[in-house]
Amino acid sequence: VNRDGALTWDALVLLVKSVERGLTSMTQFEPIARIDDLAVAMGKRAFQSARRRQRDEALTEGEWFAWWSLDSTVRTTLQRFCFDDADMEGLPPMENCDSTPYEALAPGGQVAGDGA
């Protein structure tokens, strides 16, 4: 997070990788073989949802919250650590979440549709 309280592209990708490593070291979650690809895909989706075209633009706190609270992959993972409904209070219903799979990763590490 930068001085303005916003999340940069590099920070978001690092955050996703760090959370995955933390979850796999503290739980019985299987490590994600292509975590680098997944982190890039999640970053891309977060920036697209905030209508950011450039990676040098940062996400505001509100844009960050809007992305993760409506991403079914993130929410499903978080539900494993919630013990009652109060833990999910204030979040949109799961049926409103984006359930587009991140398996849209193409071989070779490129995100499908990335144009790279």
Foldseek 3Di string as FASTA:
>chain_A
DDPVQFAALVNQLVVQVVVLVVCVVVHVDDRDPPSSLLSNLLSVQLCVQVVHPDRRDTHHPVSVCVSLLQALVNVVVVVVVDDDPVVNPPGDDNVNHDDDDQVCQDPPSHRPVNPD
